[in-house]
């Protein structure tokens, strides 16, 4: 992706992180330097979302996010303003969301747990929360 361009939703891909299971449980390591092209500046997690409820529903102008499903299942609907992709995350799977992609997450159960790693500190002005404003933003940037 060159400077001044925004990613396309067709570039999204679920990443599976192999786990190691034995009688003691499941260990799922992630070597961040191998999967992320940014330093992690912030992290948060989301859980206890009632089954079928949606969170997210916004895009970022600058912030990249790495969404990691730790438990349950989480359906991510993402759009670049023209094309839409629906991706299912299961435990040990992740999705890299670059700036300029609108995403919403639907939780399969209250036990679903999503960990999000970000390259930016929280900044309210980085969020685009209205879909029409997002489409206008996309039109204003070369793709």
Protein backbone atom coordinates (compact mmCIF):
# COMPACT_ATOMS: atom_id res chain seq x y z
CA UNK A 1 0.00 0.00 0.00
CA UNK A 2 1.57 3.26 -1.08
CA UNK A 3 1.36 6.52 0.82
CA UNK A 4 -1.99 8.22 0.44
CA UNK A 5 -3.87 5.06 -0.45
CA UNK A 6 -6.29 3.13 1.69
CA UNK A 7 -6.52 -0.66 1.91
CA UNK A 8 -9.23 -2.59 0.12
CA UNK A 9 -11.54 -4.94 1.96
CA UNK A 10 -10.46 -7.74 -0.41
CA UNK A 11 -6.99 -7.54 1.15
CA UNK A 12 -8.34 -8.79 4.49
CA UNK A 13 -7.43 -12.31 5.55
CA UNK A 14 -7.94 -14.30 8.73
CA UNK A 15 -4.63 -15.35 10.29
CA UNK A 16 -4.55 -18.66 12.18
CA UNK A 17 -2.09 -18.92 15.04
CA UNK A 18 -1.23 -22.55 15.71
CA UNK A 19 -1.62 -23.69 19.26
CA UNK A 20 0.12 -26.44 21.20
CA UNK A 21 -2.27 -28.71 23.06
CA UNK A 22 -1.51 -31.36 25.65
CA UNK A 23 -3.00 -32.63 28.92
CA UNK A 24 -2.11 -29.31 30.57
CA UNK A 25 -4.19 -27.23 28.15
CA UNK A 26 -3.73 -25.15 25.02
CA UNK A 27 -0.90 -22.67 24.49
CA UNK A 28 -1.26 -20.23 21.55
CA UNK A 29 1.86 -18.09 21.08
CA UNK A 30 2.00 -15.10 18.76
CA UNK A 31 5.33 -13.52 17.85
CA UNK A 32 4.11 -9.98 17.25
CA UNK A 33 7.18 -8.86 15.29
CA UNK A 34 6.39 -11.54 12.70
CA UNK A 35 2.73 -10.60 12.18
CA UNK A 36 2.55 -6.85 12.85
CA UNK A 37 4.24 -4.02 11.00
CA UNK A 38 3.68 -1.64 13.90
CA UNK A 39 4.59 -1.32 17.59
CA UNK A 40 1.70 -1.97 19.97
CA UNK A 41 0.82 1.26 21.78
CA UNK A 42 -2.54 0.23 23.26
CA UNK A 43 -4.53 -2.92 23.88
CA UNK A 44 -8.03 -3.65 25.07
CA UNK A 45 -10.38 -6.58 25.19
CA UNK A 46 -14.12 -6.97 24.78
CA UNK A 47 -16.19 -9.70 26.42
CA UNK A 48 -19.61 -10.29 28.05
CA UNK A 49 -21.33 -8.98 24.92
CA UNK A 50 -24.78 -10.62 24.70
CA UNK A 51 -24.98 -13.28 21.98
CA UNK A 52 -25.78 -11.77 18.60
CA UNK A 53 -24.98 -8.21 19.68
CA UNK A 54 -22.65 -6.02 17.65
CA UNK A 55 -19.75 -3.80 18.71
CA UNK A 56 -17.46 -1.63 16.66
CA UNK A 57 -19.29 -0.08 13.73
CA UNK A 58 -16.60 2.47 12.87
CA UNK A 59 -13.39 3.06 10.95
CA UNK A 60 -10.11 4.71 11.90
CA UNK A 61 -8.21 7.34 9.95
CA UNK A 62 -4.79 6.46 11.42
CA UNK A 63 -5.08 3.51 13.82
CA UNK A 64 -4.23 -0.05 12.76
CA UNK A 65 -5.75 -2.83 14.85
CA UNK A 66 -4.98 -6.53 15.24
CA UNK A 67 -8.12 -8.34 16.39
CA UNK A 68 -7.43 -11.67 18.14
CA UNK A 69 -10.25 -14.03 19.09
CA UNK A 70 -9.34 -15.65 22.41
CA UNK A 71 -12.63 -17.45 23.13
CA UNK A 72 -15.96 -18.11 21.45
CA UNK A 73 -16.63 -16.89 17.95
CA UNK A 74 -16.74 -13.38 16.53
CA UNK A 75 -18.07 -12.48 13.10
CA UNK A 76 -16.35 -9.42 11.62
CA UNK A 77 -18.10 -7.52 8.84
CA UNK A 78 -15.72 -5.15 7.08
CA UNK A 79 -16.15 -2.75 4.18
CA UNK A 80 -14.01 -0.36 2.19
CA UNK A 81 -17.15 1.57 1.20
CA UNK A 82 -17.79 -0.51 -1.91
CA UNK A 83 -17.03 -4.16 -1.18
CA UNK A 84 -17.95 -6.01 2.01
CA UNK A 85 -16.38 -9.09 3.57
CA UNK A 86 -17.72 -11.22 6.41
CA UNK A 87 -15.01 -13.12 8.26
CA UNK A 88 -15.43 -15.51 11.19
CA UNK A 89 -12.83 -15.51 13.95
CA UNK A 90 -12.47 -18.57 16.18
CA UNK A 91 -10.03 -18.96 19.09
CA UNK A 92 -6.44 -18.53 17.89
CA UNK A 93 -7.46 -16.58 14.79
CA UNK A 94 -6.78 -12.91 14.14
CA UNK A 95 -7.47 -10.16 11.64
CA UNK A 96 -5.36 -7.12 10.81
CA UNK A 97 -7.46 -4.01 10.18
CA UNK A 98 -5.59 -1.13 8.58
CA UNK A 99 -6.89 2.46 8.74
CA UNK A 100 -9.69 3.22 6.31
CA UNK A 101 -11.62 -0.04 6.78
CA UNK A 102 -15.03 0.06 8.46
CA UNK A 103 -15.62 -2.91 10.74
CA UNK A 104 -18.27 -4.26 13.09
CA UNK A 105 -17.99 -7.35 15.28
CA UNK A 106 -20.91 -9.64 16.14
CA UNK A 107 -20.39 -11.88 19.16
CA UNK A 108 -21.52 -15.52 19.13
CA UNK A 109 -21.92 -15.74 22.91
CA UNK A 110 -21.28 -13.81 26.12
CA UNK A 111 -18.16 -15.95 26.59
CA UNK A 112 -16.61 -14.66 23.36
CA UNK A 113 -13.43 -12.72 24.06
CA UNK A 114 -11.73 -10.34 21.62
CA UNK A 115 -8.28 -8.88 22.28
CA UNK A 116 -7.36 -5.82 20.19
CA UNK A 117 -3.80 -4.53 19.74
CA UNK A 118 -3.47 -0.97 18.38
CA UNK A 119 -0.63 1.14 17.03
CA UNK A 120 -2.15 4.39 18.33
CA UNK A 121 -3.24 5.74 21.68
CA UNK A 122 -6.96 6.41 21.98
CA UNK A 123 -7.98 9.52 20.05
CA UNK A 124 -11.68 10.30 19.60
CA UNK A 125 -10.88 12.33 16.46
CA UNK A 126 -9.44 9.21 14.76
CA UNK A 127 -12.85 7.52 14.69
CA UNK A 128 -15.33 7.74 11.81
CA UNK A 129 -18.65 6.63 13.31
CA UNK A 130 -21.14 7.52 10.58
CA UNK A 131 -21.21 5.32 7.47
CA UNK A 132 -21.94 8.22 5.10
CA UNK A 133 -19.00 10.19 6.53
CA UNK A 134 -16.86 7.07 6.06
CA UNK A 135 -17.85 6.73 2.39
CA UNK A 136 -17.05 10.40 1.86
CA UNK A 137 -13.69 9.91 3.57
CA UNK A 138 -12.88 6.96 1.30
CA UNK A 139 -13.82 8.95 -1.81
CA UNK A 140 -11.40 11.67 -0.68
CA UNK A 141 -8.43 9.27 -0.59
CA UNK A 142 -6.88 7.55 -3.60
CA UNK A 143 -7.29 3.79 -3.62
